[in-house]
Protein backbone atom coordinates (compact mmCIF):
# COMPACT_ATOMS: atom_id res chain seq x y z
CA MET A 1 -57.60 -66.23 14.03
CA ARG A 2 -60.94 -66.90 16.35
CA GLY A 3 -62.98 -64.31 18.26
CA ALA A 4 -62.89 -63.91 21.98
CA SER A 5 -65.39 -66.43 22.54
CA GLY A 6 -63.74 -69.01 20.51
CA ARG A 7 -65.70 -68.47 17.30
CA ASP A 8 -64.54 -68.11 13.72
CA SER A 9 -65.76 -64.73 12.94
CA VAL A 10 -66.17 -61.81 10.23
CA LEU A 11 -66.37 -58.36 11.38
CA ILE A 12 -68.66 -55.68 9.61
CA LEU A 13 -67.95 -52.03 9.95
CA ASP A 14 -71.07 -49.94 9.48
CA PHE A 15 -70.77 -46.71 7.32
CA GLY A 16 -74.34 -46.02 7.96
CA SER A 17 -75.74 -48.26 5.42
CA GLN A 18 -79.57 -49.24 5.46
CA TYR A 19 -78.61 -52.74 4.60
CA THR A 20 -75.63 -53.56 7.23
CA GLN A 21 -78.23 -55.58 9.51
CA LEU A 22 -78.96 -57.44 6.42
CA ILE A 23 -75.35 -58.30 5.55
CA ALA A 24 -75.35 -59.83 9.21
CA ARG A 25 -78.41 -61.67 8.61
CA ARG A 26 -77.11 -63.15 5.21
CA LEU A 27 -73.86 -64.21 6.87
CA ARG A 28 -75.85 -65.82 9.78
CA GLU A 29 -77.91 -67.61 7.33
CA LEU A 30 -74.74 -68.89 5.79
CA GLN A 31 -73.70 -70.23 9.33
CA VAL A 32 -71.06 -67.54 9.50
CA TYR A 33 -70.56 -65.78 12.94
CA CYS A 34 -70.22 -62.02 12.75
CA GLU A 35 -70.63 -58.98 14.70
CA ILE A 36 -71.25 -55.36 13.93
CA LEU A 37 -69.03 -52.37 14.82
CA PRO A 38 -69.35 -48.55 13.72
CA PHE A 39 -66.91 -47.45 11.46
CA ASP A 40 -64.51 -45.44 13.65
CA ALA A 41 -64.18 -48.47 16.09
CA THR A 42 -60.56 -48.54 17.23
CA ILE A 43 -58.22 -51.08 16.20
CA GLU A 44 -57.99 -52.41 19.72
CA ARG A 45 -61.67 -53.01 19.64
CA ILE A 46 -61.55 -54.54 16.51
CA LEU A 47 -58.95 -57.12 17.60
CA LYS A 48 -60.49 -57.75 20.50
CA GLY A 49 -62.90 -60.28 18.39
CA SER A 50 -59.81 -61.79 16.40
CA PRO A 51 -62.06 -61.60 13.26
CA LYS A 52 -60.74 -63.47 10.12
CA GLY A 53 -61.92 -61.07 7.58
CA ILE A 54 -63.73 -57.43 7.66
CA ILE A 55 -66.40 -56.20 5.72
CA LEU A 56 -67.05 -52.59 4.75
CA SER A 57 -70.62 -51.87 4.69
CA GLY A 58 -72.26 -49.37 2.41
CA GLY A 59 -73.44 -45.79 3.45
CA PRO A 60 -75.18 -42.53 2.22
CA ASP A 61 -71.93 -40.38 2.41
CA SER A 62 -69.47 -39.41 -0.67
CA VAL A 63 -65.89 -40.57 -0.18
CA HIS A 64 -64.75 -37.49 -1.98
CA ARG A 65 -66.54 -35.21 0.62
CA SER A 66 -64.36 -33.87 3.38
CA GLY A 67 -64.97 -35.63 6.61
CA SER A 68 -66.51 -38.13 5.06
CA PRO A 69 -66.50 -41.50 7.49
CA ARG A 70 -63.16 -43.34 7.52
CA PRO A 71 -62.04 -46.36 9.22
CA ASP A 72 -58.95 -46.66 11.21
CA PRO A 73 -55.99 -46.68 8.75
CA ALA A 74 -54.57 -49.72 10.56
CA VAL A 75 -57.36 -51.94 9.31
CA PHE A 76 -55.35 -52.26 6.23
CA GLN A 77 -52.32 -53.27 7.67
CA LEU A 78 -53.69 -56.29 9.72
CA GLY A 79 -53.13 -58.53 6.85
CA LEU A 80 -57.01 -59.70 6.83
CA PRO A 81 -59.29 -59.96 3.80
CA VAL A 82 -61.32 -57.26 3.23
CA LEU A 83 -64.66 -56.88 1.25
CA GLY A 84 -65.90 -53.48 0.63
CA ILE A 85 -69.68 -53.11 -0.39
CA CYS A 86 -70.88 -49.98 -2.36
CA TYR A 87 -69.40 -47.10 -0.36
CA GLY A 88 -66.80 -49.68 1.28
CA MET A 89 -65.64 -50.53 -2.35
CA GLN A 90 -65.19 -46.85 -2.93
CA LEU A 91 -63.33 -46.39 0.20
CA LEU A 92 -60.82 -49.03 -0.78
CA THR A 93 -60.57 -47.34 -4.29
CA THR A 94 -59.78 -43.83 -2.71
CA LEU A 95 -57.60 -45.09 0.52
CA HIS A 96 -55.35 -47.17 -2.09
CA GLY A 97 -54.77 -44.29 -4.61
CA GLY A 98 -57.76 -44.77 -7.16
CA ARG A 99 -60.40 -42.05 -8.19
CA VAL A 100 -64.03 -42.06 -7.07
CA ALA A 101 -66.11 -39.42 -8.58
CA PRO A 102 -69.92 -38.67 -9.00
CA ALA A 103 -71.57 -40.84 -11.54
CA ARG A 104 -73.64 -38.81 -14.48
CA ARG A 105 -76.58 -40.05 -12.74
CA ARG A 106 -77.35 -41.94 -9.69
CA GLU A 107 -78.00 -45.52 -10.29
CA TYR A 108 -80.77 -47.42 -8.25
CA GLY A 109 -82.05 -50.56 -9.46
CA PHE A 110 -81.35 -53.87 -11.21
CA ALA A 111 -77.86 -54.17 -13.38
CA ARG A 112 -76.43 -57.08 -15.37
CA LEU A 113 -73.06 -57.87 -14.13
CA LYS A 114 -70.63 -59.25 -16.48
CA VAL A 115 -67.26 -61.37 -14.85
CA ILE A 116 -64.46 -60.34 -16.66
CA GLY A 117 -61.41 -61.63 -14.36
CA GLY A 118 -60.60 -64.74 -12.41
CA THR A 119 -61.04 -64.32 -8.56
CA PRO A 120 -61.95 -66.39 -5.60
CA LEU A 121 -64.96 -63.78 -4.73
CA PHE A 122 -66.59 -65.14 -7.87
CA GLU A 123 -65.40 -68.65 -8.19
CA GLY A 124 -68.19 -71.14 -9.06
CA LEU A 125 -70.81 -68.25 -10.11
CA PRO A 126 -72.07 -67.51 -13.53
CA LYS A 127 -70.22 -65.18 -15.72
CA THR A 128 -73.53 -62.92 -16.02
CA MET A 129 -75.17 -62.10 -13.12
CA GLN A 130 -78.14 -59.99 -12.06
CA VAL A 131 -77.29 -57.43 -9.21
CA TRP A 132 -78.67 -54.26 -7.32
CA MET A 133 -77.20 -51.21 -7.36
CA SER A 134 -77.83 -47.90 -5.05
CA HIS A 135 -75.18 -45.52 -5.62
CA GLY A 136 -74.15 -41.86 -6.83
CA ASP A 137 -70.48 -42.09 -6.86
CA SER A 138 -68.62 -44.62 -8.76
CA ALA A 139 -64.88 -45.73 -9.11
CA LYS A 140 -63.32 -44.03 -12.06
CA GLY A 141 -59.64 -45.40 -11.59
CA LEU A 142 -57.68 -47.83 -9.79
CA GLY A 143 -54.54 -46.01 -9.63
CA GLY A 144 -52.14 -48.97 -10.35
CA ASN A 145 -52.40 -49.99 -6.67
CA GLY A 146 -52.62 -53.92 -7.27
CA PHE A 147 -56.26 -53.83 -7.84
CA LYS A 148 -57.89 -55.15 -10.92
CA ALA A 149 -61.22 -55.12 -12.35
CA VAL A 150 -62.94 -58.27 -12.26
CA ALA A 151 -66.49 -57.53 -13.14
CA ARG A 152 -68.47 -54.70 -14.91
CA THR A 153 -71.98 -53.57 -15.91
CA ASP A 154 -73.08 -51.34 -18.72
CA THR A 155 -72.62 -48.30 -16.69
CA ALA A 156 -69.95 -49.46 -14.39
CA PRO A 157 -66.84 -50.57 -15.89
CA LEU A 158 -65.36 -51.08 -12.29
CA ALA A 159 -68.34 -52.74 -10.92
CA ALA A 160 -66.03 -55.18 -8.88
CA ILE A 161 -62.56 -54.97 -8.21
CA ALA A 162 -59.81 -57.28 -6.56
CA ASP A 163 -56.49 -57.49 -5.51
CA ASP A 164 -55.86 -61.48 -4.71
CA ALA A 165 -52.62 -60.98 -3.38
CA LYS A 166 -53.72 -58.76 -0.47
CA ARG A 167 -57.10 -60.24 -0.15
CA LEU A 168 -58.91 -56.96 -0.88
CA TYR A 169 -61.91 -56.82 -2.94
CA GLY A 170 -64.59 -54.39 -3.74
CA VAL A 171 -68.11 -54.50 -5.25
CA GLN A 172 -70.04 -51.58 -6.26
CA PHE A 173 -73.49 -53.40 -6.05
CA HIS A 174 -75.14 -54.77 -2.61
CA PRO A 175 -74.88 -58.75 -2.56
CA GLU A 176 -76.69 -58.98 0.57
CA VAL A 177 -80.29 -57.98 -0.90
CA ALA A 178 -82.67 -60.20 -2.43
CA HIS A 179 -82.47 -58.53 -5.89
CA THR A 180 -78.99 -60.04 -6.15
CA PRO A 181 -79.83 -63.76 -6.59
CA GLU A 182 -76.03 -64.86 -6.43
CA GLY A 183 -75.31 -62.41 -3.51
CA ALA A 184 -75.21 -64.95 -1.15
CA ARG A 185 -72.63 -67.28 -2.71
CA ILE A 186 -70.73 -64.24 -3.13
CA LEU A 187 -70.78 -63.55 0.47
CA GLU A 188 -70.03 -67.21 0.90
CA ASN A 189 -66.95 -67.17 -1.41
CA PHE A 190 -65.49 -64.15 0.63
CA SER A 191 -66.00 -65.90 4.14
CA ARG A 192 -65.17 -69.49 3.14
CA ARG A 193 -62.67 -69.31 0.40
CA ILE A 194 -61.17 -66.21 0.88
CA CYS A 195 -61.29 -66.00 4.88
CA LYS A 196 -61.11 -69.43 5.25
CA LEU A 197 -63.90 -69.90 7.73
CA SER A 198 -64.66 -73.52 8.59
CA GLU A 199 -66.85 -73.55 11.38
CA ARG A 200 -70.44 -73.78 11.21
CA TRP A 201 -72.49 -71.21 13.45
CA THR A 202 -76.07 -71.49 14.43
CA MET A 203 -78.31 -69.77 16.89
CA ALA A 204 -78.56 -72.87 18.76
CA SER A 205 -75.00 -73.12 19.29
CA PHE A 206 -74.97 -69.65 20.22
CA LEU A 207 -77.14 -69.97 22.73
CA GLU A 208 -75.29 -72.98 24.19
CA ARG A 209 -71.95 -71.48 24.37
CA SER A 210 -73.41 -68.36 25.73
CA VAL A 211 -75.07 -69.99 28.45
CA ALA A 212 -72.07 -71.74 29.28
CA ASP A 213 -69.89 -68.63 28.99
CA ILE A 214 -72.03 -66.85 31.91
CA ARG A 215 -72.31 -69.91 33.88
CA ARG A 216 -68.64 -70.03 33.73
CA GLU A 217 -68.58 -66.30 34.71
CA VAL A 218 -71.08 -65.96 37.18
CA GLY A 219 -70.29 -69.20 39.21
CA SER A 220 -72.67 -69.36 41.96
CA GLY A 221 -73.46 -65.78 42.03
CA ARG A 222 -76.76 -64.00 40.79
CA VAL A 223 -77.38 -61.98 37.56
CA ILE A 224 -79.69 -58.97 37.06
CA LEU A 225 -80.72 -58.88 33.31
CA ALA A 226 -82.06 -55.95 31.57
CA LEU A 227 -83.92 -56.66 28.03
CA SER A 228 -85.13 -54.07 25.90
CA GLY A 229 -88.50 -54.23 24.03
């Protein structure tokens, strides 16, 4: 599926992470068009952009807290690939019958990731990688729901999970930050190998299409433009 403007796209649902904009920046550096919506966006609003994949961002909340942020349940019935990052992975785990609990201590900093299972998410990547962790909760069990552990660290035996059949993936670490050197390649594997995005997006092409779209919509009329900042 392509977005309303005809672009291959990935949608990011924002759960309040300080890194959400960085996820978008990394994707755009990979020439992947993406948009950010709040975590509680309606399924109608999500489908309006016809994304080819969805990323669930990290966030400061705990999935086991009553009232913690949840997406529209229909998100997981669209048949689209989903990548959960940190809080997003914990959501995938919890909403599919697994267990998430507070870690013995909050983990913040570098970790050594060891790939222990085959998955397109890590295709072409080293078996051992440096990653950046920032979390207080962690997945403790997958609940026999189709997920398998595909990577671990010394403190997180479920540092990355995958259900390749349903194209659902989760990583406890943050691939979008510079402290995860192979992170861009992980995001590229998700967008290109898993979501099958082929189009190469650039800001120049965005400006060109935007101008064309505006001219087509406005015709000979006039436009009032307001800019912040």
